[in-house]
């Protein structure tokens, strides 16, 4: 019985280490996607041999290293088409040597050429205009959990894991991750209009100020870069946020502001699960040049 428990604890400990190693590499890929990323470099970041790294990465992330790099690069391009930028410049910024190579991969992935997508991306669908406020953020650290799948389901799962971790920290170590200064953020990395639901990446994040709280297992840490943001307020249910985000797309087209990446969501209610739907408030942050 004790031998079984020892083996079980070892297996659990190893799995937690694997998560930390693989997602350290995932974070590097996402932060350096426009650079040349070799399997040698990535396996060293993870601390595995190339053979084992490739196998473990696919087991945890659900796709090969090469497929994941391609998808991250392409997803980061999609919001850039909202403003009047040529395909060649977007291709170069995304790590492709020629617009022809970029066009080929883009069409294989999304089923349409960059030109076709660019034309649709610049269409506006509403006369309603949102108002933005502009802020400058300093970089800040978060603890986060990632889930992949349909956004509403995946985000709920991610928050359940992260909140359970926060509760454990409070009960076992008397450390309060959810104090009055804590900020709750969500990050959606993929465009649901283009990406299959089972590939949508969602991060549930809590600001990380007490560094004596150590990330473990699926709970990881990262720094969110500072810079300029256009901020929009969404009122009401999270499920209806897609409509607000569509209006933000129209605002981007009409304003001509150069957008640098996808949205971040700051949840303004202290206890959203105990808040009436009509009282929910969410700030949507769009990074801009």
Protein backbone atom coordinates (compact mmCIF):
# COMPACT_ATOMS: atom_id res chain seq x y z
CA UNK A 1 0.00 0.00 0.00
CA UNK A 2 2.77 2.44 0.91
CA UNK A 3 4.72 1.42 -2.20
CA UNK A 4 1.65 2.19 -4.36
CA UNK A 5 1.28 5.59 -2.68
CA UNK A 6 4.98 6.34 -3.25
CA UNK A 7 4.68 5.47 -6.95
CA UNK A 8 1.45 7.45 -7.23
CA UNK A 9 3.03 10.53 -5.62
CA UNK A 10 6.05 10.22 -7.90
CA UNK A 11 3.82 9.97 -10.98
CA UNK A 12 1.84 13.03 -9.86
CA UNK A 13 5.04 14.97 -9.17
CA UNK A 14 6.50 14.04 -12.57
CA UNK A 15 3.32 15.07 -14.36
CA UNK A 16 3.38 18.47 -12.65
CA UNK A 17 7.00 18.94 -13.71
CA UNK A 18 6.10 18.01 -17.29
CA UNK A 19 3.34 20.63 -17.34
CA UNK A 20 5.69 23.32 -16.07
CA UNK A 21 8.41 22.38 -18.60
CA UNK A 22 6.12 22.16 -21.62
CA UNK A 23 4.25 25.37 -20.86
CA UNK A 24 7.51 27.20 -20.25
CA UNK A 25 8.27 26.26 -23.87
CA UNK A 26 4.76 27.21 -25.03
CA UNK A 27 5.23 30.64 -23.47
CA UNK A 28 8.55 31.03 -25.28
CA UNK A 29 6.93 30.08 -28.60
CA UNK A 30 4.11 32.58 -28.11
CA UNK A 31 6.47 35.40 -27.10
CA UNK A 32 9.00 34.74 -29.90
CA UNK A 33 6.77 33.38 -32.67
CA UNK A 34 8.24 35.66 -35.36
CA UNK A 35 11.75 34.30 -34.71
CA UNK A 36 13.39 31.13 -36.00
CA UNK A 37 12.43 28.46 -33.45
CA UNK A 38 14.42 25.24 -33.67
CA UNK A 39 13.56 21.93 -32.02
CA UNK A 40 17.02 21.96 -30.40
CA UNK A 41 16.38 25.32 -28.75
CA UNK A 42 12.87 24.45 -27.58
CA UNK A 43 13.84 21.06 -26.15
CA UNK A 44 16.63 22.73 -24.16
CA UNK A 45 14.15 25.25 -22.73
CA UNK A 46 11.94 22.34 -21.67
CA UNK A 47 14.90 20.35 -20.33
CA UNK A 48 14.15 17.23 -22.40
CA UNK A 49 15.91 15.39 -25.19
CA UNK A 50 14.51 16.20 -28.64
CA UNK A 51 12.85 12.79 -28.91
CA UNK A 52 11.12 12.94 -25.54
CA UNK A 53 10.29 16.64 -25.86
CA UNK A 54 8.35 16.13 -29.10
CA UNK A 55 6.36 13.25 -27.61
CA UNK A 56 5.61 14.94 -24.27
CA UNK A 57 4.73 18.26 -25.96
CA UNK A 58 2.15 16.59 -28.20
CA UNK A 59 0.69 14.63 -25.29
CA UNK A 60 0.13 17.78 -23.19
CA UNK A 61 -0.65 20.41 -25.85
CA UNK A 62 -2.53 18.13 -28.24
CA UNK A 63 -0.57 18.90 -31.40
CA UNK A 64 2.99 18.66 -32.67
CA UNK A 65 5.55 21.39 -32.01
CA UNK A 66 5.66 22.38 -35.70
CA UNK A 67 1.86 22.54 -36.02
CA UNK A 68 1.62 24.62 -32.85
CA UNK A 69 4.24 27.13 -34.03
CA UNK A 70 2.45 27.54 -37.37
CA UNK A 71 -0.91 28.04 -35.70
CA UNK A 72 0.42 30.63 -33.23
CA UNK A 73 2.08 32.59 -36.04
CA UNK A 74 -1.03 32.59 -38.20
CA UNK A 75 -3.43 33.47 -35.36
CA UNK A 76 -1.34 36.51 -34.50
CA UNK A 77 -1.71 37.81 -38.05
CA UNK A 78 -5.51 37.80 -38.19
CA UNK A 79 -6.24 40.94 -36.17
CA UNK A 80 -3.57 42.86 -38.10
CA UNK A 81 -5.73 42.67 -41.24
CA UNK A 82 -8.28 44.99 -39.61
CA UNK A 83 -6.13 47.99 -40.45
CA UNK A 84 -4.75 49.03 -43.81
CA UNK A 85 -1.50 47.08 -43.86
CA UNK A 86 -0.15 45.17 -46.82
CA UNK A 87 0.19 41.40 -46.80
CA UNK A 88 3.96 41.48 -47.34
CA UNK A 89 4.61 43.48 -44.15
CA UNK A 90 2.33 41.17 -42.12
CA UNK A 91 4.12 38.13 -43.58
CA UNK A 92 7.55 39.51 -42.67
CA UNK A 93 6.46 40.43 -39.13
CA UNK A 94 5.18 36.87 -38.70
CA UNK A 95 8.43 35.16 -39.59
CA UNK A 96 7.78 34.32 -43.26
CA UNK A 97 10.48 35.19 -45.79
CA UNK A 98 8.07 35.88 -48.67
CA UNK A 99 4.42 36.82 -49.05
CA UNK A 100 4.00 33.78 -51.34
CA UNK A 101 5.08 31.39 -48.57
CA UNK A 102 2.79 33.16 -46.12
CA UNK A 103 -0.14 33.03 -48.58
CA UNK A 104 0.29 29.29 -49.12
CA UNK A 105 0.35 28.44 -45.41
CA UNK A 106 -2.48 30.87 -44.60
CA UNK A 107 -4.77 29.35 -47.22
CA UNK A 108 -3.96 25.80 -46.12
CA UNK A 109 -4.78 26.72 -42.53
CA UNK A 110 -7.82 28.98 -42.91
CA UNK A 111 -9.23 27.91 -46.29
CA UNK A 112 -8.91 31.39 -47.79
CA UNK A 113 -6.13 33.60 -49.06
CA UNK A 114 -4.81 36.55 -47.01
CA UNK A 115 -6.31 38.90 -49.64
CA UNK A 116 -9.78 37.35 -49.23
CA UNK A 117 -9.50 37.44 -45.45
CA UNK A 118 -8.22 41.02 -45.49
CA UNK A 119 -11.20 42.18 -47.54
CA UNK A 120 -13.69 40.55 -45.14
CA UNK A 121 -11.80 41.77 -42.06
CA UNK A 122 -12.15 45.38 -43.18
CA UNK A 123 -15.91 45.15 -43.63
CA UNK A 124 -17.98 46.89 -40.96
CA UNK A 125 -21.34 45.56 -39.85
CA UNK A 126 -22.88 48.19 -37.63
CA UNK A 127 -23.49 51.89 -37.37
CA UNK A 128 -23.03 51.60 -33.60
CA UNK A 129 -19.75 53.12 -32.47
CA UNK A 130 -18.01 52.12 -29.27
CA UNK A 131 -15.97 54.63 -27.34
CA UNK A 132 -12.47 53.69 -26.25
CA UNK A 133 -10.31 55.00 -23.49
CA UNK A 134 -6.56 54.77 -23.86
CA UNK A 135 -4.24 53.56 -21.11
CA UNK A 136 -0.60 52.61 -20.68
CA UNK A 137 0.09 49.46 -18.67
CA UNK A 138 3.27 48.56 -16.87
CA UNK A 139 4.30 44.90 -17.26
CA UNK A 140 2.86 42.70 -14.51
CA UNK A 141 3.11 39.07 -13.42
CA UNK A 142 0.25 36.59 -13.24
CA UNK A 143 -0.41 33.04 -12.21
CA UNK A 144 -2.51 31.35 -14.85
CA UNK A 145 -4.13 28.14 -16.02
CA UNK A 146 -4.65 27.32 -19.67
CA UNK A 147 -7.46 25.27 -21.11
CA UNK A 148 -8.15 24.46 -24.75
CA UNK A 149 -11.64 24.02 -26.17
CA UNK A 150 -14.84 26.03 -26.76
CA UNK A 151 -14.20 29.33 -25.02
CA UNK A 152 -17.08 29.35 -22.54
CA UNK A 153 -16.35 25.76 -21.44
CA UNK A 154 -12.55 26.04 -21.48
CA UNK A 155 -12.48 29.34 -19.56
CA UNK A 156 -14.78 27.96 -16.85
CA UNK A 157 -12.54 24.91 -16.47
CA UNK A 158 -9.41 27.07 -16.28
CA UNK A 159 -10.95 29.28 -13.59
CA UNK A 160 -12.07 26.23 -11.57
CA UNK A 161 -8.49 24.92 -11.46
CA UNK A 162 -6.99 28.34 -10.65
CA UNK A 163 -9.51 29.12 -7.90
CA UNK A 164 -8.99 25.66 -6.37
CA UNK A 165 -5.25 26.41 -6.27
CA UNK A 166 -5.92 29.78 -4.60
CA UNK A 167 -8.16 28.10 -2.02
CA UNK A 168 -5.49 25.50 -1.26
CA UNK A 169 -2.87 28.23 -0.78
CA UNK A 170 -5.17 29.95 1.69
CA UNK A 171 -6.05 26.82 3.67
CA UNK A 172 -2.64 25.09 3.74
CA UNK A 173 -0.24 28.02 3.77
CA UNK A 174 -2.37 30.99 4.90
CA UNK A 175 -1.45 32.87 1.71
CA UNK A 176 -4.19 34.94 0.10
CA UNK A 177 -3.86 35.06 -3.67
CA UNK A 178 -7.28 36.70 -3.91
CA UNK A 179 -6.72 39.71 -1.66
CA UNK A 180 -8.33 43.11 -2.27
CA UNK A 181 -5.62 44.13 -4.74
CA UNK A 182 -5.89 40.97 -6.85
CA UNK A 183 -6.83 41.44 -10.49
CA UNK A 184 -8.56 38.78 -12.56
CA UNK A 185 -7.73 38.61 -16.26
CA UNK A 186 -8.68 36.37 -19.14
CA UNK A 187 -6.80 35.94 -22.40
CA UNK A 188 -8.27 34.40 -25.53
CA UNK A 189 -5.51 33.59 -28.00
CA UNK A 190 -7.51 32.44 -31.02
CA UNK A 191 -10.15 33.82 -33.35
CA UNK A 192 -13.27 31.63 -32.88
CA UNK A 193 -14.49 32.56 -36.36
CA UNK A 194 -11.42 30.86 -37.86
CA UNK A 195 -10.24 28.29 -35.33
CA UNK A 196 -11.93 24.93 -34.64
CA UNK A 197 -13.57 24.99 -31.19
CA UNK A 198 -11.30 22.23 -29.87
CA UNK A 199 -8.21 24.38 -30.62
CA UNK A 200 -9.24 27.61 -28.88
CA UNK A 201 -6.72 28.59 -26.16
CA UNK A 202 -7.96 30.34 -23.02
CA UNK A 203 -5.89 31.59 -20.04
CA UNK A 204 -7.43 32.35 -16.64
CA UNK A 205 -5.06 34.73 -14.82
CA UNK A 206 -4.71 36.26 -11.36
CA UNK A 207 -2.15 38.98 -10.65
CA UNK A 208 0.86 37.50 -8.84
CA UNK A 209 2.43 39.80 -6.27
CA UNK A 210 3.29 37.43 -3.43
CA UNK A 211 6.20 35.51 -4.95
CA UNK A 212 6.25 33.11 -2.00
CA UNK A 213 3.25 31.49 -3.74
CA UNK A 214 4.91 28.96 -6.04
CA UNK A 215 3.18 27.86 -9.28
CA UNK A 216 2.68 24.11 -9.51
CA UNK A 217 1.25 21.62 -11.99
CA UNK A 218 -1.21 23.28 -14.31
CA UNK A 219 -0.80 26.61 -12.51
CA UNK A 220 1.97 28.52 -14.25
CA UNK A 221 3.44 32.00 -14.18
CA UNK A 222 4.19 34.58 -16.83
CA UNK A 223 4.65 38.29 -17.33
CA UNK A 224 2.10 40.27 -19.31
CA UNK A 225 3.82 42.93 -21.34
CA UNK A 226 3.11 46.58 -20.80
CA UNK A 227 2.36 49.18 -23.43
CA UNK A 228 -0.53 51.13 -24.91
CA UNK A 229 -4.05 49.72 -24.94
CA UNK A 230 -7.45 50.79 -26.18
CA UNK A 231 -9.98 49.74 -23.52
CA UNK A 232 -13.69 49.04 -24.03
CA UNK A 233 -16.29 48.28 -21.37
CA UNK A 234 -18.56 45.26 -21.84
CA UNK A 235 -21.72 45.16 -19.71
CA UNK A 236 -23.58 41.92 -19.06
CA UNK A 237 -23.09 38.21 -19.65
CA UNK A 238 -19.73 36.87 -20.70
CA UNK A 239 -21.45 34.75 -23.36
CA UNK A 240 -22.49 37.97 -25.13
CA UNK A 241 -18.95 39.33 -25.27
CA UNK A 242 -18.53 38.16 -28.85
CA UNK A 243 -20.96 40.86 -30.03
CA UNK A 244 -19.01 43.56 -28.18
CA UNK A 245 -15.80 42.24 -29.71
CA UNK A 246 -17.37 42.42 -33.18
CA UNK A 247 -18.13 46.09 -32.56
CA UNK A 248 -14.53 46.57 -31.44
CA UNK A 249 -13.49 45.14 -34.81
CA UNK A 250 -15.58 47.79 -36.54
CA UNK A 251 -13.95 50.45 -34.34
CA UNK A 252 -10.48 49.22 -35.35
CA UNK A 253 -11.37 49.47 -39.05
CA UNK A 254 -12.90 52.93 -38.72
CA UNK A 255 -10.21 54.39 -36.44
CA UNK A 256 -7.25 53.03 -38.40
CA UNK A 257 -5.37 52.38 -35.16
CA UNK A 258 -2.58 49.83 -35.58
CA UNK A 259 -3.39 46.80 -33.46
CA UNK A 260 -0.53 44.68 -32.12
CA UNK A 261 -2.30 41.59 -30.83
CA UNK A 262 -5.41 39.93 -29.50
CA UNK A 263 -7.61 40.96 -26.58
CA UNK A 264 -7.21 40.68 -22.83
CA UNK A 265 -10.23 40.73 -20.53
CA UNK A 266 -10.14 42.29 -17.08
CA UNK A 267 -13.03 41.08 -14.89
CA UNK A 268 -14.14 43.98 -12.71
CA UNK A 269 -16.56 42.17 -10.37
CA UNK A 270 -15.05 40.79 -7.15
CA UNK A 271 -17.41 37.78 -7.09
CA UNK A 272 -18.73 37.29 -10.64
CA UNK A 273 -20.36 33.94 -9.87
CA UNK A 274 -22.50 35.63 -7.22
CA UNK A 275 -23.24 38.72 -9.33
CA UNK A 276 -26.42 39.23 -11.33
CA UNK A 277 -25.76 38.91 -15.04
CA UNK A 278 -26.85 42.46 -15.81
CA UNK A 279 -24.33 43.77 -13.25
CA UNK A 280 -21.27 42.04 -14.71
CA UNK A 281 -18.60 44.41 -16.01
CA UNK A 282 -15.57 43.50 -18.11
CA UNK A 283 -12.89 45.75 -19.59
CA UNK A 284 -11.56 44.54 -22.95
CA UNK A 285 -7.95 45.60 -23.59
CA UNK A 286 -6.62 45.77 -27.16
CA UNK A 287 -2.84 46.35 -27.53
CA UNK A 288 -2.07 49.17 -29.96
CA UNK A 289 1.01 50.88 -31.40
